[in-house]
């Protein structure tokens, strides 16, 4: 009897989670935990040195899975965490990465993937 109750409770939790996820997608959110894509302001990371002349290296990335301002901030934060890198993301899925040192695309891809997204180009 207790097993039936546990299974029914688990099924109820899964159904409620699926319903919430679908509602978020219908409102235009991406399912990342945002409130439906309508955030008026999301805190984007700040970089101390914003003089582009100090960044001689540049690469453009295409990142899959970014759908809202929250996603952009997460990817920028992950890339800005790499020393000497300044990243700016825009929708749909474009990321401009400036660097003070030669750019290791594998390190950039690893940072993006650690944040839950995927570099596709």
N, C-alpha and C. Protein backbone atom coordinates (compact mmCIF):
# COMPACT_ATOMS: atom_id res chain seq x y z
N UNK A 1 0.81 -1.20 0.00
CA UNK A 1 0.00 0.00 0.00
C UNK A 1 0.86 1.27 0.00
N UNK A 2 1.94 1.26 0.79
CA UNK A 2 2.80 2.44 0.86
C UNK A 2 3.50 2.68 -0.48
N UNK A 3 3.81 1.58 -1.19
CA UNK A 3 4.45 1.72 -2.50
C UNK A 3 3.52 2.42 -3.49
N UNK A 4 2.24 2.14 -3.43
CA UNK A 4 1.27 2.77 -4.32
C UNK A 4 1.19 4.27 -4.03
N UNK A 5 1.21 4.63 -2.78
CA UNK A 5 1.16 6.04 -2.39
C UNK A 5 2.41 6.76 -2.87
N UNK A 6 3.57 6.15 -2.72
CA UNK A 6 4.82 6.76 -3.16
C UNK A 6 4.81 6.96 -4.68
N UNK A 7 4.36 5.95 -5.41
CA UNK A 7 4.32 6.05 -6.87
C UNK A 7 3.34 7.15 -7.29
N UNK A 8 2.17 7.22 -6.67
CA UNK A 8 1.19 8.25 -7.01
C UNK A 8 1.73 9.65 -6.70
N UNK A 9 2.44 9.79 -5.60
CA UNK A 9 3.02 11.09 -5.26
C UNK A 9 4.09 11.49 -6.28
N UNK A 10 4.91 10.53 -6.70
CA UNK A 10 5.95 10.82 -7.69
C UNK A 10 5.32 11.22 -9.02
N UNK A 11 4.27 10.54 -9.43
CA UNK A 11 3.59 10.86 -10.68
C UNK A 11 2.98 12.26 -10.60
N UNK A 12 2.41 12.62 -9.46
CA UNK A 12 1.82 13.94 -9.29
C UNK A 12 2.89 15.03 -9.41
N UNK A 13 4.04 14.82 -8.80
CA UNK A 13 5.13 15.80 -8.87
C UNK A 13 5.60 15.97 -10.31
N UNK A 14 5.75 14.87 -11.03
CA UNK A 14 6.20 14.93 -12.43
C UNK A 14 5.17 15.67 -13.28
N UNK A 15 3.90 15.40 -13.09
CA UNK A 15 2.85 16.07 -13.86
C UNK A 15 2.81 17.57 -13.57
N UNK A 16 2.95 17.96 -12.32
CA UNK A 16 2.96 19.38 -11.98
C UNK A 16 4.18 20.09 -12.58
N UNK A 17 5.32 19.44 -12.53
CA UNK A 17 6.53 20.04 -13.11
C UNK A 17 6.39 20.19 -14.62
N UNK A 18 5.84 19.18 -15.28
CA UNK A 18 5.65 19.26 -16.74
C UNK A 18 4.66 20.36 -17.10
N UNK A 19 3.60 20.49 -16.30
CA UNK A 19 2.60 21.53 -16.55
C UNK A 19 3.24 22.91 -16.41
N UNK A 20 4.05 23.13 -15.40
CA UNK A 20 4.71 24.42 -15.19
C UNK A 20 5.69 24.72 -16.33
N UNK A 21 6.43 23.72 -16.75
CA UNK A 21 7.39 23.90 -17.83
C UNK A 21 6.67 24.28 -19.13
N UNK A 22 5.60 23.60 -19.45
CA UNK A 22 4.84 23.91 -20.66
C UNK A 22 4.23 25.30 -20.60
N UNK A 23 3.75 25.71 -19.43
CA UNK A 23 3.20 27.06 -19.27
C UNK A 23 4.29 28.11 -19.50
N UNK A 24 5.50 27.86 -19.01
CA UNK A 24 6.61 28.78 -19.22
C UNK A 24 6.94 28.88 -20.71
N UNK A 25 6.96 27.76 -21.40
CA UNK A 25 7.26 27.78 -22.83
C UNK A 25 6.19 28.52 -23.61
N UNK A 26 4.92 28.36 -23.24
CA UNK A 26 3.83 29.05 -23.94
C UNK A 26 3.91 30.56 -23.75
N UNK A 27 4.42 31.01 -22.59
CA UNK A 27 4.54 32.44 -22.33
C UNK A 27 5.77 33.05 -22.98
N UNK A 28 6.56 32.24 -23.66
CA UNK A 28 7.73 32.75 -24.35
C UNK A 28 9.02 32.54 -23.61
N UNK A 29 8.97 31.91 -22.46
CA UNK A 29 10.19 31.61 -21.72
C UNK A 29 10.88 30.41 -22.32
N UNK A 30 12.07 30.17 -21.92
CA UNK A 30 12.85 29.08 -22.50
C UNK A 30 12.94 27.88 -21.58
N UNK A 31 12.36 27.96 -20.40
CA UNK A 31 12.43 26.86 -19.47
C UNK A 31 13.68 26.88 -18.62
N UNK A 32 14.44 27.96 -18.67
CA UNK A 32 15.69 28.04 -17.92
C UNK A 32 15.46 28.52 -16.49
N UNK A 33 14.23 28.79 -16.16
CA UNK A 33 13.94 29.32 -14.84
C UNK A 33 13.54 30.77 -14.89
N UNK A 34 13.52 31.35 -16.08
CA UNK A 34 13.11 32.74 -16.21
C UNK A 34 11.60 32.84 -16.08
N UNK A 35 11.11 34.03 -16.03
CA UNK A 35 9.68 34.23 -15.82
C UNK A 35 8.91 34.41 -17.12
N UNK A 36 9.38 33.81 -18.17
CA UNK A 36 8.63 33.89 -19.42
C UNK A 36 9.19 34.86 -20.42
N UNK A 37 10.43 35.25 -20.26
CA UNK A 37 11.06 36.12 -21.24
C UNK A 37 10.72 37.59 -21.07
N UNK A 38 9.94 37.93 -20.05
CA UNK A 38 9.52 39.31 -19.91
C UNK A 38 10.25 40.09 -18.85
N UNK A 39 11.44 39.64 -18.46
CA UNK A 39 12.17 40.37 -17.44
C UNK A 39 12.49 41.77 -17.94
N UNK A 40 12.26 42.75 -17.09
CA UNK A 40 12.59 44.10 -17.49
C UNK A 40 14.09 44.34 -17.34
N UNK A 41 14.73 43.68 -16.39
CA UNK A 41 16.17 43.87 -16.21
C UNK A 41 16.77 42.61 -15.61
N UNK A 42 17.82 42.15 -16.22
CA UNK A 42 18.60 41.04 -15.69
C UNK A 42 20.01 41.55 -15.51
N UNK A 43 20.60 41.29 -14.36
CA UNK A 43 21.95 41.77 -14.08
C UNK A 43 22.95 41.06 -14.98
N UNK A 44 23.51 41.80 -15.91
CA UNK A 44 24.54 41.26 -16.79
C UNK A 44 25.89 41.51 -16.12
N UNK A 45 26.87 40.65 -16.34
CA UNK A 45 28.16 40.84 -15.68
C UNK A 45 28.85 42.11 -16.16
N UNK A 46 29.67 42.67 -15.28
CA UNK A 46 30.45 43.85 -15.64
C UNK A 46 31.92 43.48 -15.68
N UNK A 47 32.63 44.07 -16.59
CA UNK A 47 34.06 43.83 -16.76
C UNK A 47 34.77 45.14 -16.45
N UNK A 48 35.85 45.06 -15.70
CA UNK A 48 36.56 46.27 -15.28
C UNK A 48 37.14 47.02 -16.48
N UNK A 49 37.72 46.30 -17.43
CA UNK A 49 38.36 46.93 -18.59
C UNK A 49 37.44 46.79 -19.80
N UNK A 50 36.75 47.87 -20.16
CA UNK A 50 35.83 47.83 -21.29
C UNK A 50 36.36 48.60 -22.50
N UNK A 51 37.65 48.80 -22.54
CA UNK A 51 38.28 49.45 -23.69
C UNK A 51 38.62 48.36 -24.71
N UNK A 52 37.89 48.33 -25.82
CA UNK A 52 38.09 47.28 -26.82
C UNK A 52 39.49 47.27 -27.40
N UNK A 53 40.20 48.39 -27.36
CA UNK A 53 41.57 48.45 -27.87
C UNK A 53 42.52 47.57 -27.06
N UNK A 54 42.15 47.24 -25.83
CA UNK A 54 42.98 46.40 -24.97
C UNK A 54 42.78 44.91 -25.25
N UNK A 55 41.88 44.58 -26.16
CA UNK A 55 41.55 43.19 -26.48
C UNK A 55 41.88 42.93 -27.96
N UNK A 56 43.11 42.53 -28.27
CA UNK A 56 43.49 42.37 -29.68
C UNK A 56 42.92 41.12 -30.37
N UNK A 57 42.41 40.18 -29.61
CA UNK A 57 41.90 38.95 -30.20
C UNK A 57 40.38 38.92 -30.10
N UNK A 58 39.76 38.39 -31.15
CA UNK A 58 38.29 38.34 -31.17
C UNK A 58 37.83 37.06 -31.86
N UNK A 59 36.74 36.51 -31.35
CA UNK A 59 36.11 35.34 -31.97
C UNK A 59 34.61 35.46 -31.81
N UNK A 60 33.89 34.99 -32.79
CA UNK A 60 32.42 34.95 -32.74
C UNK A 60 32.01 33.50 -32.50
N UNK A 61 31.11 33.29 -31.56
CA UNK A 61 30.58 31.97 -31.27
C UNK A 61 29.09 31.94 -31.55
N UNK A 62 28.60 30.78 -31.95
CA UNK A 62 27.16 30.56 -32.03
C UNK A 62 26.83 29.56 -30.93
N UNK A 63 25.95 29.97 -30.03
CA UNK A 63 25.62 29.16 -28.87
C UNK A 63 24.16 28.73 -28.96
N UNK A 64 23.94 27.46 -28.81
CA UNK A 64 22.59 26.90 -28.87
C UNK A 64 21.96 26.89 -27.48
N UNK A 65 20.71 27.30 -27.42
CA UNK A 65 19.96 27.22 -26.17
C UNK A 65 19.72 28.55 -25.48
N UNK A 66 20.29 29.63 -25.96
CA UNK A 66 20.06 30.93 -25.35
C UNK A 66 18.77 31.51 -25.93
N UNK A 67 17.80 31.81 -25.04
CA UNK A 67 16.50 32.28 -25.51
C UNK A 67 16.02 33.54 -24.82
N UNK A 68 16.71 33.99 -23.78
CA UNK A 68 16.23 35.15 -23.03
C UNK A 68 17.41 35.89 -22.41
N UNK A 69 17.12 37.02 -21.77
CA UNK A 69 18.17 37.83 -21.13
C UNK A 69 18.88 37.05 -20.03
N UNK A 70 18.17 36.21 -19.32
CA UNK A 70 18.78 35.39 -18.28
C UNK A 70 19.83 34.47 -18.88
N UNK A 71 19.50 33.83 -20.00
CA UNK A 71 20.45 32.94 -20.68
C UNK A 71 21.69 33.71 -21.11
N UNK A 72 21.50 34.90 -21.67
CA UNK A 72 22.63 35.72 -22.10
C UNK A 72 23.56 36.03 -20.93
N UNK A 73 22.96 36.41 -19.80
CA UNK A 73 23.76 36.76 -18.62
C UNK A 73 24.55 35.55 -18.11
N UNK A 74 23.94 34.37 -18.15
CA UNK A 74 24.63 33.16 -17.68
C UNK A 74 25.84 32.86 -18.56
N UNK A 75 25.67 32.94 -19.88
CA UNK A 75 26.77 32.65 -20.80
C UNK A 75 27.87 33.71 -20.66
N UNK A 76 27.49 34.98 -20.59
CA UNK A 76 28.49 36.04 -20.43
C UNK A 76 29.27 35.86 -19.14
N UNK A 77 28.60 35.53 -18.06
CA UNK A 77 29.26 35.33 -16.77
C UNK A 77 30.26 34.18 -16.85
N UNK A 78 29.86 33.09 -17.51
CA UNK A 78 30.75 31.93 -17.63
C UNK A 78 32.01 32.30 -18.43
N UNK A 79 31.84 33.03 -19.52
CA UNK A 79 32.99 33.40 -20.34
C UNK A 79 33.83 34.49 -19.70
N UNK A 80 33.20 35.46 -19.05
CA UNK A 80 33.94 36.54 -18.38
C UNK A 80 34.77 36.01 -17.22
N UNK A 81 34.43 34.81 -16.73
CA UNK A 81 35.20 34.20 -15.65
C UNK A 81 36.57 33.71 -16.09
N UNK A 82 36.77 33.62 -17.40
CA UNK A 82 38.08 33.25 -17.93
C UNK A 82 38.94 34.51 -17.93
N UNK A 83 40.12 34.42 -17.40
CA UNK A 83 40.99 35.60 -17.29
C UNK A 83 41.27 36.26 -18.63
N UNK A 84 41.14 37.58 -18.68
CA UNK A 84 41.46 38.35 -19.86
C UNK A 84 40.43 38.29 -20.97
N UNK A 85 39.23 37.81 -20.64
CA UNK A 85 38.17 37.65 -21.64
C UNK A 85 37.01 38.58 -21.32
N UNK A 86 36.44 39.15 -22.37
CA UNK A 86 35.25 39.98 -22.26
C UNK A 86 34.26 39.48 -23.30
N UNK A 87 33.11 39.00 -22.85
CA UNK A 87 32.12 38.42 -23.76
C UNK A 87 30.84 39.24 -23.74
N UNK A 88 30.22 39.37 -24.91
CA UNK A 88 28.93 40.02 -25.03
C UNK A 88 28.05 39.14 -25.90
N UNK A 89 26.91 38.73 -25.35
CA UNK A 89 25.99 37.84 -26.05
C UNK A 89 24.75 38.60 -26.50
N UNK A 90 24.24 38.20 -27.66
CA UNK A 90 22.99 38.76 -28.18
C UNK A 90 22.15 37.61 -28.73
N UNK A 91 20.88 37.86 -28.81
CA UNK A 91 19.98 36.85 -29.36
C UNK A 91 19.92 37.01 -30.86
N UNK A 92 19.76 35.99 -31.63
CA UNK A 92 19.63 34.58 -31.23
C UNK A 92 20.96 33.85 -31.23
N UNK A 93 21.52 33.62 -30.10
CA UNK A 93 22.68 32.75 -29.95
C UNK A 93 24.03 33.25 -30.43
N UNK A 94 24.22 34.55 -30.53
CA UNK A 94 25.51 35.07 -30.97
C UNK A 94 26.30 35.59 -29.77
N UNK A 95 27.58 35.22 -29.73
CA UNK A 95 28.44 35.68 -28.65
C UNK A 95 29.73 36.21 -29.26
N UNK A 96 30.04 37.45 -28.94
CA UNK A 96 31.30 38.08 -29.36
C UNK A 96 32.25 38.01 -28.18
N UNK A 97 33.38 37.36 -28.39
CA UNK A 97 34.35 37.18 -27.31
C UNK A 97 35.62 37.95 -27.67
N UNK A 98 36.00 38.87 -26.81
CA UNK A 98 37.24 39.62 -26.95
C UNK A 98 38.22 39.09 -25.91
N UNK A 99 39.49 39.03 -26.27
CA UNK A 99 40.48 38.49 -25.35
C UNK A 99 41.78 39.27 -25.44
N UNK A 100 42.48 39.34 -24.33
CA UNK A 100 43.79 40.00 -24.28
C UNK A 100 44.90 39.05 -24.72
N UNK A 101 44.62 37.75 -24.68
CA UNK A 101 45.58 36.72 -25.06
C UNK A 101 44.98 35.88 -26.19
N UNK A 102 45.81 35.11 -26.90
CA UNK A 102 45.26 34.24 -27.95
C UNK A 102 44.13 33.38 -27.38
N UNK A 103 43.09 33.20 -28.17
CA UNK A 103 41.87 32.54 -27.71
C UNK A 103 41.93 31.04 -27.94
N UNK A 104 41.63 30.30 -26.89
CA UNK A 104 41.52 28.85 -26.95
C UNK A 104 40.03 28.52 -27.07
N UNK A 105 39.58 28.19 -28.29
CA UNK A 105 38.15 27.91 -28.52
C UNK A 105 37.66 26.76 -27.65
N UNK A 106 38.53 25.79 -27.38
CA UNK A 106 38.12 24.65 -26.55
C UNK A 106 37.79 25.11 -25.13
N UNK A 107 38.57 26.05 -24.61
CA UNK A 107 38.31 26.58 -23.26
C UNK A 107 37.01 27.37 -23.24
N UNK A 108 36.76 28.13 -24.31
CA UNK A 108 35.50 28.88 -24.39
C UNK A 108 34.32 27.92 -24.45
N UNK A 109 34.43 26.89 -25.28
CA UNK A 109 33.35 25.91 -25.40
C UNK A 109 33.12 25.19 -24.08
N UNK A 110 34.19 24.87 -23.37
CA UNK A 110 34.05 24.18 -22.08
C UNK A 110 33.33 25.07 -21.07
N UNK A 111 33.63 26.37 -21.06
CA UNK A 111 32.97 27.30 -20.13
C UNK A 111 31.48 27.42 -20.47
N UNK A 112 31.17 27.50 -21.76
CA UNK A 112 29.77 27.60 -22.18
C UNK A 112 29.02 26.33 -21.82
N UNK A 113 29.62 25.17 -22.06
CA UNK A 113 28.97 23.91 -21.75
C UNK A 113 28.80 23.71 -20.24
N UNK A 114 29.76 24.20 -19.46
CA UNK A 114 29.62 24.12 -18.00
C UNK A 114 28.45 24.97 -17.52
N UNK A 115 28.11 26.00 -18.29
CA UNK A 115 26.97 26.86 -17.94
C UNK A 115 25.63 26.27 -18.41
N UNK A 116 25.69 25.16 -19.15
CA UNK A 116 24.47 24.48 -19.57
C UNK A 116 24.04 24.75 -21.00
N UNK A 117 24.94 25.29 -21.82
CA UNK A 117 24.63 25.61 -23.22
C UNK A 117 25.64 24.90 -24.11
N UNK A 118 25.47 25.04 -25.42
CA UNK A 118 26.36 24.31 -26.34
C UNK A 118 26.81 25.22 -27.47
N UNK A 119 28.13 25.22 -27.71
CA UNK A 119 28.69 25.98 -28.83
C UNK A 119 28.52 25.14 -30.08
N UNK A 120 27.86 25.72 -31.09
CA UNK A 120 27.64 24.99 -32.34
C UNK A 120 28.38 25.63 -33.52
N UNK A 121 29.04 26.71 -33.28
CA UNK A 121 29.79 27.34 -34.38
C UNK A 121 30.65 28.46 -33.89
